[in-house]
C-alpha atoms as a PDB file:
ATOM      1  CA  MET A   1       0.058  -0.039   0.082  1.00  0.00           C
ATOM      2  CA  THR A   2       1.387   3.421  -1.048  1.00  0.00           C
ATOM      3  CA  PRO A   3       1.435   6.023   1.869  1.00  0.00           C
ATOM      4  CA  ASP A   4      -0.252   9.287   1.671  1.00  0.00           C
ATOM      5  CA  ALA A   5       1.913  11.665  -0.357  1.00  0.00           C
ATOM      6  CA  SER A   6       2.051  14.263   2.379  1.00  0.00           C
ATOM      7  CA  ALA A   7       2.585  11.814   5.315  1.00  0.00           C
ATOM      8  CA  PRO A   8       5.938  11.499   6.609  1.00  0.00           C
ATOM      9  CA  VAL A   9       7.872   8.297   5.903  1.00  0.00           C
ATOM     10  CA  ARG A  10      10.709   6.827   7.733  1.00  0.00           C
ATOM     11  CA  VAL A  11      13.584   5.796   5.465  1.00  0.00           C
ATOM     12  CA  GLU A  12      16.240   3.491   7.141  1.00  0.00           C
ATOM     13  CA  LEU A  13      19.637   3.147   5.458  1.00  0.00           C
ATOM     14  CA  ARG A  14      20.891   0.071   7.244  1.00  0.00           C
ATOM     15  CA  GLY A  15      24.588  -0.708   7.033  1.00  0.00           C
ATOM     16  CA  PHE A  16      25.357   2.704   5.154  1.00  0.00           C
ATOM     17  CA  PRO A  17      28.808   2.265   3.704  1.00  0.00           C
ATOM     18  CA  LEU A  18      30.663   5.400   4.637  1.00  0.00           C
ATOM     19  CA  ARG A  19      33.621   4.782   2.146  1.00  0.00           C
ATOM     20  CA  ALA A  20      31.202   3.974  -0.637  1.00  0.00           C
ATOM     21  CA  TRP A  21      29.380   7.257   0.182  1.00  0.00           C
ATOM     22  CA  GLN A  22      32.506   9.302   0.009  1.00  0.00           C
ATOM     23  CA  ARG A  23      33.489   7.981  -3.215  1.00  0.00           C
ATOM     24  CA  ALA A  24      30.068   8.686  -4.553  1.00  0.00           C
ATOM     25  CA  GLU A  25      29.871  12.212  -3.156  1.00  0.00           C
ATOM     26  CA  GLU A  26      33.236  13.082  -4.710  1.00  0.00           C
ATOM     27  CA  HIS A  27      32.234  11.803  -8.043  1.00  0.00           C
ATOM     28  CA  HIS A  28      28.878  13.605  -7.775  1.00  0.00           C
ATOM     29  CA  GLU A  29      30.416  16.910  -6.884  1.00  0.00           C
ATOM     30  CA  GLU A  30      33.042  16.511  -9.973  1.00  0.00           C
ATOM     31  CA  LEU A  31      30.099  15.927 -12.180  1.00  0.00           C
ATOM     32  CA  MET A  32      28.018  18.900 -10.876  1.00  0.00           C
ATOM     33  CA  ARG A  33      31.055  21.250 -11.217  1.00  0.00           C
ATOM     34  CA  GLU A  34      31.511  20.284 -14.839  1.00  0.00           C
ATOM     35  CA  PHE A  35      27.628  20.483 -15.660  1.00  0.00           C
ATOM     36  CA  ALA A  36      27.496  23.901 -14.019  1.00  0.00           C
ATOM     37  CA  LEU A  37      30.394  25.003 -16.212  1.00  0.00           C
ATOM     38  CA  LEU A  38      28.609  23.607 -19.298  1.00  0.00           C
ATOM     39  CA  LEU A  39      25.507  25.686 -18.372  1.00  0.00           C
ATOM     40  CA  LEU A  40      27.685  28.784 -18.709  1.00  0.00           C
ATOM     41  CA  ASP A  41      27.890  28.024 -22.450  1.00  0.00           C
ATOM     42  CA  ARG A  42      23.940  28.083 -22.669  1.00  0.00           C
ATOM     43  CA  PRO A  43      23.270  24.522 -23.593  1.00  0.00           C
ATOM     44  CA  ALA A  44      20.018  23.576 -25.650  1.00  0.00           C
ATOM     45  CA  PRO A  45      16.968  23.753 -23.289  1.00  0.00           C
ATOM     46  CA  GLY A  46      16.253  20.390 -21.753  1.00  0.00           C
ATOM     47  CA  SER A  47      19.799  19.274 -22.114  1.00  0.00           C
ATOM     48  CA  VAL A  48      21.060  16.490 -19.545  1.00  0.00           C
ATOM     49  CA  PRO A  49      23.296  19.032 -17.659  1.00  0.00           C
ATOM     50  CA  GLN A  50      20.529  21.592 -17.449  1.00  0.00           C
ATOM     51  CA  ARG A  51      17.942  19.024 -16.231  1.00  0.00           C
ATOM     52  CA  LEU A  52      20.345  17.479 -13.777  1.00  0.00           C
ATOM     53  CA  VAL A  53      21.552  20.642 -12.211  1.00  0.00           C
ATOM     54  CA  ARG A  54      18.038  22.064 -11.775  1.00  0.00           C
ATOM     55  CA  LEU A  55      16.696  18.619 -10.197  1.00  0.00           C
ATOM     56  CA  VAL A  56      19.558  18.282  -7.866  1.00  0.00           C
ATOM     57  CA  GLU A  57      19.061  21.903  -6.556  1.00  0.00           C
ATOM     58  CA  GLU A  58      15.398  21.335  -6.239  1.00  0.00           C
ATOM     59  CA  VAL A  59      15.798  18.123  -4.230  1.00  0.00           C
ATOM     60  CA  ARG A  60      18.477  19.663  -2.009  1.00  0.00           C
ATOM     61  CA  ASP A  61      16.448  22.909  -1.360  1.00  0.00           C
ATOM     62  CA  ARG A  62      13.328  21.050  -0.705  1.00  0.00           C
ATOM     63  CA  TYR A  63      14.648  18.271   1.575  1.00  0.00           C
ATOM     64  CA  ALA A  64      17.740  19.906   3.252  1.00  0.00           C
ATOM     65  CA  ALA A  65      16.091  19.982   6.496  1.00  0.00           C
ATOM     66  CA  SER A  66      15.282  16.241   6.393  1.00  0.00           C
ATOM     67  CA  ALA A  67      18.874  15.510   5.936  1.00  0.00           C
ATOM     68  CA  GLU A  68      20.443  17.534   8.823  1.00  0.00           C
ATOM     69  CA  ALA A  69      20.018  14.893  11.621  1.00  0.00           C
ATOM     70  CA  PRO A  70      21.305  11.860   9.538  1.00  0.00           C
ATOM     71  CA  GLU A  71      24.195  14.004   8.092  1.00  0.00           C
ATOM     72  CA  ALA A  72      25.296  14.715  11.724  1.00  0.00           C
ATOM     73  CA  VAL A  73      25.021  10.887  12.498  1.00  0.00           C
ATOM     74  CA  ARG A  74      27.045  10.198   9.443  1.00  0.00           C
ATOM     75  CA  GLU A  75      29.738  12.783  10.119  1.00  0.00           C
ATOM     76  CA  ALA A  76      30.130  11.581  13.716  1.00  0.00           C
ATOM     77  CA  ALA A  77      30.563   8.023  12.364  1.00  0.00           C
ATOM     78  CA  LEU A  78      33.214   9.210   9.976  1.00  0.00           C
ATOM     79  CA  GLN A  79      35.073  11.111  12.801  1.00  0.00           C
ATOM     80  CA  ARG A  80      35.049   7.953  14.977  1.00  0.00           C
ATOM     81  CA  GLY A  81      36.536   6.040  11.907  1.00  0.00           C
ATOM     82  CA  ASP A  82      33.483   3.824  11.477  1.00  0.00           C
ATOM     83  CA  THR A  83      32.957   1.889   8.110  1.00  0.00           C
ATOM     84  CA  HIS A  84      29.323   1.558   8.353  1.00  0.00           C
ATOM     85  CA  VAL A  85      26.329   3.312  10.125  1.00  0.00           C
ATOM     86  CA  ASP A  86      22.621   3.052  10.202  1.00  0.00           C
ATOM     87  CA  LEU A  87      20.823   6.255   9.199  1.00  0.00           C
ATOM     88  CA  VAL A  88      17.100   7.288   9.599  1.00  0.00           C
ATOM     89  CA  TYR A  89      15.558   9.914   7.446  1.00  0.00           C
ATOM     90  CA  GLU A  90      11.994  11.358   7.812  1.00  0.00           C
ATOM     91  CA  ILE A  91      10.664  12.373   4.341  1.00  0.00           C
ATOM     92  CA  PRO A  92       7.379  12.961   2.843  1.00  0.00           C
ATOM     93  CA  ALA A  93       6.102  10.052   0.790  1.00  0.00           C
ATOM     94  CA  ALA A  94       6.010  12.392  -2.131  1.00  0.00           C
ATOM     95  CA  ALA A  95       9.765  12.646  -2.270  1.00  0.00           C
ATOM     96  CA  GLY A  96       9.996   9.016  -3.518  1.00  0.00           C
ATOM     97  CA  PRO A  97       8.891   9.736  -7.161  1.00  0.00           C
ATOM     98  CA  GLN A  98      11.252  12.807  -7.179  1.00  0.00           C
ATOM     99  CA  VAL A  99      14.233  10.747  -5.962  1.00  0.00           C
ATOM    100  CA  ALA A 100      13.227   8.115  -8.595  1.00  0.00           C
ATOM    101  CA  ARG A 101      13.548  10.947 -11.349  1.00  0.00           C
ATOM    102  CA  LEU A 102      16.953  11.935  -9.932  1.00  0.00           C
ATOM    103  CA  LEU A 103      18.190   8.372 -10.061  1.00  0.00           C
ATOM    104  CA  ALA A 104      17.052   7.957 -13.764  1.00  0.00           C
ATOM    105  CA  LEU A 105      18.506  11.253 -14.571  1.00  0.00           C
ATOM    106  CA  LEU A 106      21.970  10.438 -12.934  1.00  0.00           C
ATOM    107  CA  GLU A 107      21.822   7.132 -14.993  1.00  0.00           C
ATOM    108  CA  GLU A 108      21.214   9.514 -18.148  1.00  0.00           C
ATOM    109  CA  ALA A 109      24.159  11.575 -17.169  1.00  0.00           C
ATOM    110  CA  ASP A 110      26.364   8.573 -17.006  1.00  0.00           C
ATOM    111  CA  GLU A 111      25.496   7.892 -20.690  1.00  0.00           C
ATOM    112  CA  TYR A 112      26.254  11.414 -21.496  1.00  0.00           C
ATOM    113  CA  CYS A 113      29.657  11.085 -19.764  1.00  0.00           C
ATOM    114  CA  ARG A 114      30.302   7.858 -21.650  1.00  0.00           C
ATOM    115  CA  ARG A 115      29.856   9.706 -24.962  1.00  0.00           C
ATOM    116  CA  GLY A 116      32.689  12.070 -23.773  1.00  0.00           C
ATOM    117  CA  GLU A 117      31.134  15.157 -25.116  1.00  0.00           C
ATOM    118  CA  HIS A 118      32.650  18.367 -23.483  1.00  0.00           C
ATOM    119  CA  LEU A 119      33.495  16.550 -20.209  1.00  0.00           C
ATOM    120  CA  LEU A 120      36.437  15.442 -18.212  1.00  0.00           C
ATOM    121  CA  THR A 121      34.428  13.556 -15.656  1.00  0.00           C
ATOM    122  CA  LEU A 122      34.049   9.889 -16.567  1.00  0.00           C
ATOM    123  CA  ALA A 123      30.754   7.846 -16.064  1.00  0.00           C
ATOM    124  CA  THR A 124      30.268   6.776 -12.615  1.00  0.00           C
ATOM    125  CA  PRO A 125      32.438   3.588 -11.706  1.00  0.00           C
ATOM    126  CA  PRO A 126      30.489   0.418 -11.330  1.00  0.00           C
ATOM    127  CA  GLY A 127      30.807   0.155  -7.438  1.00  0.00           C
ATOM    128  CA  THR A 128      29.810   3.692  -7.003  1.00  0.00           C
ATOM    129  CA  ALA A 129      26.766   3.344  -9.379  1.00  0.00           C
ATOM    130  CA  ALA A 130      25.702   0.160  -7.462  1.00  0.00           C
ATOM    131  CA  PHE A 131      25.967   2.129  -4.195  1.00  0.00           C
ATOM    132  CA  ARG A 132      23.898   5.253  -5.711  1.00  0.00           C
ATOM    133  CA  ARG A 133      21.196   2.853  -7.046  1.00  0.00           C
ATOM    134  CA  TRP A 134      20.955   1.201  -3.499  1.00  0.00           C
ATOM    135  CA  TYR A 135      21.148   4.626  -1.647  1.00  0.00           C
ATOM    136  CA  LEU A 136      18.440   6.456  -3.813  1.00  0.00           C
ATOM    137  CA  GLY A 137      16.574   3.237  -4.500  1.00  0.00           C
ATOM    138  CA  GLU A 138      16.064   2.958  -0.716  1.00  0.00           C
ATOM    139  CA  PHE A 139      14.236   6.359  -0.697  1.00  0.00           C
ATOM    140  CA  VAL A 140      12.085   5.238  -3.711  1.00  0.00           C
ATOM    141  CA  ARG A 141      11.239   1.826  -2.283  1.00  0.00           C
ATOM    142  CA  GLN A 142      10.513   2.924   1.287  1.00  0.00           C
ATOM    143  CA  ALA A 143       8.430   5.901   0.296  1.00  0.00           C
ATOM    144  CA  ARG A 144       6.090   3.288  -1.357  1.00  0.00           C
ATOM    145  CA  GLY A 145       5.919   1.558   1.833  1.00  0.00           C
ATOM    146  CA  GLU A 146       8.418  -1.244   1.261  1.00  0.00           C
ATOM    147  CA  ALA A 147      10.705  -2.616   3.988  1.00  0.00           C
ATOM    148  CA  PRO A 148      14.376  -1.547   4.352  1.00  0.00           C
ATOM    149  CA  LEU A 149      17.114  -3.552   2.430  1.00  0.00           C
ATOM    150  CA  PRO A 150      20.451  -3.219   4.033  1.00  0.00           C
ATOM    151  CA  TRP A 151      23.683  -2.519   2.152  1.00  0.00           C
ATOM    152  CA  ARG A 152      25.554  -5.656   1.248  1.00  0.00           C
ATOM    153  CA  GLU A 153      29.119  -6.056   0.053  1.00  0.00           C
ATOM    154  CA  ASP A 154      31.718  -8.785  -0.252  1.00  0.00           C
ATOM    155  CA  ALA A 155      35.014  -8.702   1.650  1.00  0.00           C
ATOM    156  CA  GLU A 156      36.617  -6.317  -0.825  1.00  0.00           C
ATOM    157  CA  GLY A 157      33.976  -3.702  -0.562  1.00  0.00           C
ATOM    158  CA  THR A 158      32.249  -4.661  -3.891  1.00  0.00           C
ATOM    159  CA  PRO A 159      28.349  -4.363  -3.632  1.00  0.00           C
ATOM    160  CA  SER A 160      26.426  -7.606  -3.897  1.00  0.00           C
ATOM    161  CA  PRO A 161      22.682  -8.068  -4.415  1.00  0.00           C
END
């Protein structure tokens, strides 16, 4: 059963891998910097860089307050030298479809990067892409009322289904 779109939903990220998150965050920041530079050249309306930058800004602006407490928990875990941590977010159920759009657009951005047009940033490495799919996918799934799925990886830190 899908929750009411305005109702708060608890999203649990169990076994959140801090190193994978750091790699994903670094790659995301590189991509966003390059896309922001591309926007200075006035790309065609609706281009991948334009749509991604706008959607990332919209998601960040709309849900920043929901991320404050989990970000503090994540930062404390990093300071302690932990490798994994459990995080809990409270988001409106309506955030799920927006995060699904973000995930799809990030996948499209990877294809844009693979084509190598005007970019230095490479497509997301496979392990980082798997983390991103799990991370954002948990928001999508749990916003629909599904149970949390913990992060899983093998001994080398490679994601596993």
